Amino acid sequence: MTSCLTPLTGLTPQHIEAHGTSLEVALLTLRAALPKHAYLVGQNIRKDTEWLELEEGVDFAGCIDLAGLTRVFNPKYSSYTHFGLDHVATAW
């Protein structure tokens, strides 16, 4: 059975079974490699840091969320439209 993430990542359950590591080991490896002065950059990066249980000021210095850079105010709905990075990269 193929994961719904396979089209996005190229990883199959078989690849992960053969070459993957546990989440616990992966998080230990990430924390050991991540500089404490690093700024993490990404689309909605706070969700990633929450999921990874990384703490700002402890595991990394801060975040830069790209979603705020590419949002557009939509006056019809009085709200912001956020575009995915694939759309922004194609448009740029």
N, C-alpha and C. Protein backbone atom coordinates (compact mmCIF):
# COMPACT_ATOMS: atom_id res chain seq x y z
N MET A 1 0.84 -1.18 0.00
CA MET A 1 0.00 0.00 0.00
C MET A 1 0.89 1.24 0.00
N THR A 2 0.54 2.24 -0.80
CA THR A 2 1.31 3.47 -0.91
C THR A 2 0.72 4.53 0.01
N SER A 3 1.58 5.28 0.64
CA SER A 3 1.16 6.36 1.52
C SER A 3 0.70 7.55 0.69
N CYS A 4 -0.18 8.36 1.27
CA CYS A 4 -0.61 9.59 0.58
C CYS A 4 0.53 10.59 0.50
N LEU A 5 1.59 10.39 1.28
CA LEU A 5 2.76 11.28 1.23
C LEU A 5 3.77 10.88 0.16
N THR A 6 3.64 9.68 -0.41
CA THR A 6 4.59 9.21 -1.41
C THR A 6 4.69 10.16 -2.61
N PRO A 7 3.58 10.67 -3.17
CA PRO A 7 3.72 11.61 -4.29
C PRO A 7 4.45 12.90 -3.91
N LEU A 8 4.37 13.31 -2.66
CA LEU A 8 5.03 14.54 -2.21
C LEU A 8 6.50 14.32 -1.88
N THR A 9 6.82 13.17 -1.30
CA THR A 9 8.16 12.93 -0.78
C THR A 9 8.97 11.96 -1.63
N GLY A 10 8.30 11.11 -2.38
CA GLY A 10 8.98 10.06 -3.12
C GLY A 10 9.30 8.85 -2.25
N LEU A 11 8.98 8.93 -0.97
CA LEU A 11 9.26 7.83 -0.04
C LEU A 11 8.10 6.85 -0.01
N THR A 12 8.44 5.59 -0.05
CA THR A 12 7.43 4.55 0.07
C THR A 12 7.55 3.90 1.44
N PRO A 13 6.51 3.23 1.91
CA PRO A 13 6.63 2.50 3.17
C PRO A 13 7.77 1.49 3.15
N GLN A 14 8.03 0.89 1.99
CA GLN A 14 9.11 -0.09 1.87
C GLN A 14 10.47 0.59 2.06
N HIS A 15 10.64 1.78 1.49
CA HIS A 15 11.89 2.52 1.64
C HIS A 15 12.12 2.90 3.10
N ILE A 16 11.08 3.35 3.76
CA ILE A 16 11.19 3.73 5.17
C ILE A 16 11.50 2.51 6.03
N GLU A 17 10.85 1.39 5.73
CA GLU A 17 11.12 0.16 6.49
C GLU A 17 12.58 -0.28 6.33
N ALA A 18 13.12 -0.14 5.13
CA ALA A 18 14.48 -0.59 4.87
C ALA A 18 15.54 0.40 5.35
N HIS A 19 15.26 1.70 5.27
CA HIS A 19 16.30 2.70 5.52
C HIS A 19 15.93 3.72 6.60
N GLY A 20 14.74 3.66 7.12
CA GLY A 20 14.27 4.66 8.07
C GLY A 20 14.80 4.46 9.48
N THR A 21 14.44 5.39 10.34
CA THR A 21 14.83 5.32 11.74
C THR A 21 13.60 5.69 12.57
N SER A 22 13.66 5.42 13.83
CA SER A 22 12.52 5.76 14.69
C SER A 22 12.44 7.27 14.87
N LEU A 23 11.27 7.74 15.20
CA LEU A 23 11.08 9.18 15.44
C LEU A 23 11.97 9.63 16.59
N GLU A 24 12.08 8.82 17.63
CA GLU A 24 12.91 9.18 18.78
C GLU A 24 14.36 9.41 18.37
N VAL A 25 14.93 8.50 17.59
CA VAL A 25 16.31 8.63 17.13
C VAL A 25 16.44 9.82 16.18
N ALA A 26 15.46 10.01 15.30
CA ALA A 26 15.50 11.13 14.36
C ALA A 26 15.49 12.47 15.09
N LEU A 27 14.67 12.59 16.14
CA LEU A 27 14.62 13.84 16.91
C LEU A 27 15.92 14.09 17.67
N LEU A 28 16.52 13.04 18.22
CA LEU A 28 17.82 13.19 18.89
C LEU A 28 18.89 13.64 17.90
N THR A 29 18.87 13.07 16.71
CA THR A 29 19.84 13.43 15.67
C THR A 29 19.63 14.88 15.23
N LEU A 30 18.37 15.27 15.04
CA LEU A 30 18.06 16.64 14.65
C LEU A 30 18.53 17.63 15.71
N ARG A 31 18.21 17.39 16.95
CA ARG A 31 18.61 18.30 18.03
C ARG A 31 20.13 18.41 18.14
N ALA A 32 20.84 17.32 17.92
CA ALA A 32 22.31 17.34 17.99
C ALA A 32 22.91 18.13 16.83
N ALA A 33 22.26 18.11 15.68
CA ALA A 33 22.80 18.78 14.49
C ALA A 33 22.33 20.23 14.34
N LEU A 34 21.21 20.58 14.96
CA LEU A 34 20.62 21.91 14.79
C LEU A 34 21.34 22.93 15.66
N PRO A 35 21.98 23.93 15.05
CA PRO A 35 22.67 24.94 15.86
C PRO A 35 21.68 25.73 16.71
N LYS A 36 22.05 26.03 17.92
CA LYS A 36 21.15 26.78 18.82
C LYS A 36 20.90 28.19 18.32
N HIS A 37 21.78 28.72 17.45
CA HIS A 37 21.63 30.07 16.92
C HIS A 37 20.89 30.08 15.57
N ALA A 38 20.40 28.92 15.13
CA ALA A 38 19.74 28.79 13.82
C ALA A 38 18.37 29.46 13.80
N TYR A 39 18.05 30.04 12.65
CA TYR A 39 16.69 30.51 12.38
C TYR A 39 16.09 29.56 11.36
N LEU A 40 14.93 29.02 11.68
CA LEU A 40 14.26 28.07 10.81
C LEU A 40 13.34 28.83 9.87
N VAL A 41 13.39 28.50 8.59
CA VAL A 41 12.62 29.20 7.58
C VAL A 41 11.71 28.19 6.89
N GLY A 42 10.42 28.55 6.75
CA GLY A 42 9.50 27.65 6.07
C GLY A 42 8.09 28.20 6.03
N GLN A 43 7.24 27.48 5.33
CA GLN A 43 5.83 27.83 5.22
C GLN A 43 5.12 27.28 6.44
N ASN A 44 4.54 28.16 7.24
CA ASN A 44 3.85 27.76 8.47
C ASN A 44 4.79 26.94 9.37
N ILE A 45 6.01 27.44 9.52
CA ILE A 45 7.09 26.73 10.21
C ILE A 45 6.77 26.42 11.67
N ARG A 46 5.93 27.21 12.29
CA ARG A 46 5.59 26.97 13.70
C ARG A 46 4.92 25.60 13.90
N LYS A 47 4.11 25.20 12.93
CA LYS A 47 3.46 23.88 13.03
C LYS A 47 4.50 22.77 13.00
N ASP A 48 5.54 22.95 12.18
CA ASP A 48 6.60 21.95 12.11
C ASP A 48 7.36 21.87 13.43
N THR A 49 7.68 23.03 14.00
CA THR A 49 8.42 23.02 15.27
C THR A 49 7.57 22.44 16.40
N GLU A 50 6.26 22.70 16.37
CA GLU A 50 5.38 22.10 17.38
C GLU A 50 5.36 20.58 17.23
N TRP A 51 5.20 20.11 15.99
CA TRP A 51 5.13 18.68 15.74
C TRP A 51 6.43 18.00 16.15
N LEU A 52 7.55 18.66 15.91
CA LEU A 52 8.86 18.10 16.27
C LEU A 52 9.22 18.33 17.73
N GLU A 53 8.34 19.04 18.45
CA GLU A 53 8.55 19.36 19.86
C GLU A 53 9.86 20.11 20.08
N LEU A 54 10.17 21.02 19.14
CA LEU A 54 11.34 21.88 19.27
C LEU A 54 10.92 23.15 19.98
N GLU A 55 11.77 23.66 20.85
CA GLU A 55 11.43 24.84 21.64
C GLU A 55 12.31 26.02 21.21
N GLU A 56 11.63 27.10 20.82
CA GLU A 56 12.35 28.32 20.42
C GLU A 56 13.14 28.85 21.62
N GLY A 57 14.38 29.25 21.38
CA GLY A 57 15.23 29.73 22.44
C GLY A 57 15.99 28.63 23.15
N VAL A 58 15.60 27.38 22.91
CA VAL A 58 16.29 26.23 23.49
C VAL A 58 16.94 25.41 22.38
N ASP A 59 16.12 24.96 21.42
CA ASP A 59 16.61 24.14 20.32
C ASP A 59 17.05 24.97 19.11
N PHE A 60 16.52 26.17 18.97
CA PHE A 60 16.83 27.06 17.85
C PHE A 60 16.53 28.49 18.28
N ALA A 61 17.05 29.46 17.52
CA ALA A 61 16.92 30.87 17.92
C ALA A 61 15.56 31.47 17.56
N GLY A 62 15.02 31.13 16.40
CA GLY A 62 13.75 31.73 15.99
C GLY A 62 13.27 31.16 14.67
N CYS A 63 12.14 31.70 14.20
CA CYS A 63 11.51 31.24 12.97
C CYS A 63 11.22 32.41 12.05
N ILE A 64 11.27 32.13 10.76
CA ILE A 64 10.81 33.07 9.74
C ILE A 64 9.77 32.33 8.93
N ASP A 65 8.53 32.81 9.01
CA ASP A 65 7.42 32.14 8.33
C ASP A 65 7.19 32.78 6.97
N LEU A 66 7.41 32.04 5.91
CA LEU A 66 7.25 32.55 4.55
C LEU A 66 5.80 32.84 4.19
N ALA A 67 4.86 32.27 4.91
CA ALA A 67 3.44 32.50 4.61
C ALA A 67 3.10 33.98 4.72
N GLY A 68 3.71 34.67 5.65
CA GLY A 68 3.45 36.10 5.82
C GLY A 68 4.00 36.95 4.69
N LEU A 69 5.01 36.44 3.99
CA LEU A 69 5.60 37.20 2.89
C LEU A 69 4.79 37.12 1.61
N THR A 70 4.04 36.06 1.45
CA THR A 70 3.35 35.83 0.17
C THR A 70 1.83 35.91 0.28
N ARG A 71 1.33 36.36 1.40
CA ARG A 71 -0.12 36.45 1.54
C ARG A 71 -0.63 37.72 0.82
N VAL A 72 -1.87 37.65 0.39
CA VAL A 72 -2.50 38.76 -0.33
C VAL A 72 -3.86 39.02 0.32
N PHE A 73 -4.14 40.28 0.62
CA PHE A 73 -5.42 40.62 1.22
C PHE A 73 -6.51 40.56 0.16
N ASN A 74 -7.60 39.90 0.49
CA ASN A 74 -8.74 39.76 -0.41
C ASN A 74 -9.88 40.62 0.15
N PRO A 75 -10.11 41.81 -0.42
CA PRO A 75 -11.13 42.71 0.13
C PRO A 75 -12.55 42.14 0.03
N LYS A 76 -12.79 41.25 -0.93
CA LYS A 76 -14.12 40.66 -1.08
C LYS A 76 -14.50 39.88 0.17
N TYR A 77 -13.53 39.17 0.76
CA TYR A 77 -13.79 38.34 1.93
C TYR A 77 -13.19 38.92 3.21
N SER A 78 -12.56 40.08 3.10
CA SER A 78 -11.91 40.74 4.24
C SER A 78 -10.97 39.78 4.99
N SER A 79 -10.20 39.06 4.19
CA SER A 79 -9.24 38.12 4.79
C SER A 79 -8.05 37.96 3.85
N TYR A 80 -7.05 37.27 4.34
CA TYR A 80 -5.85 37.03 3.54
C TYR A 80 -5.96 35.71 2.81
N THR A 81 -5.44 35.68 1.61
CA THR A 81 -5.27 34.45 0.84
C THR A 81 -3.82 34.05 0.96
N HIS A 82 -3.59 32.81 1.35
CA HIS A 82 -2.23 32.28 1.48
C HIS A 82 -1.99 31.29 0.35
N PHE A 83 -0.85 31.42 -0.29
CA PHE A 83 -0.50 30.53 -1.39
C PHE A 83 0.57 29.54 -0.94
N GLY A 84 0.49 28.33 -1.46
CA GLY A 84 1.50 27.32 -1.16
C GLY A 84 2.82 27.68 -1.86
N LEU A 85 3.91 27.14 -1.35
CA LEU A 85 5.22 27.44 -1.91
C LEU A 85 5.35 26.99 -3.35
N ASP A 86 4.66 25.90 -3.73
CA ASP A 86 4.72 25.46 -5.13
C ASP A 86 4.14 26.52 -6.05
N HIS A 87 3.02 27.13 -5.65
CA HIS A 87 2.41 28.19 -6.44
C HIS A 87 3.31 29.42 -6.50
N VAL A 88 3.85 29.81 -5.37
CA VAL A 88 4.71 30.99 -5.33
C VAL A 88 5.96 30.78 -6.18
N ALA A 89 6.58 29.61 -6.08
CA ALA A 89 7.78 29.32 -6.87
C ALA A 89 7.48 29.34 -8.36
N THR A 90 6.31 28.81 -8.75
CA THR A 90 5.93 28.82 -10.15
C THR A 90 5.67 30.25 -10.63
N ALA A 91 4.99 31.04 -9.81
CA ALA A 91 4.68 32.42 -10.19
C ALA A 91 5.94 33.28 -10.27
N TRP A 92 6.87 33.05 -9.35
CA TRP A 92 8.10 33.84 -9.35
C TRP A 92 8.99 33.45 -10.49
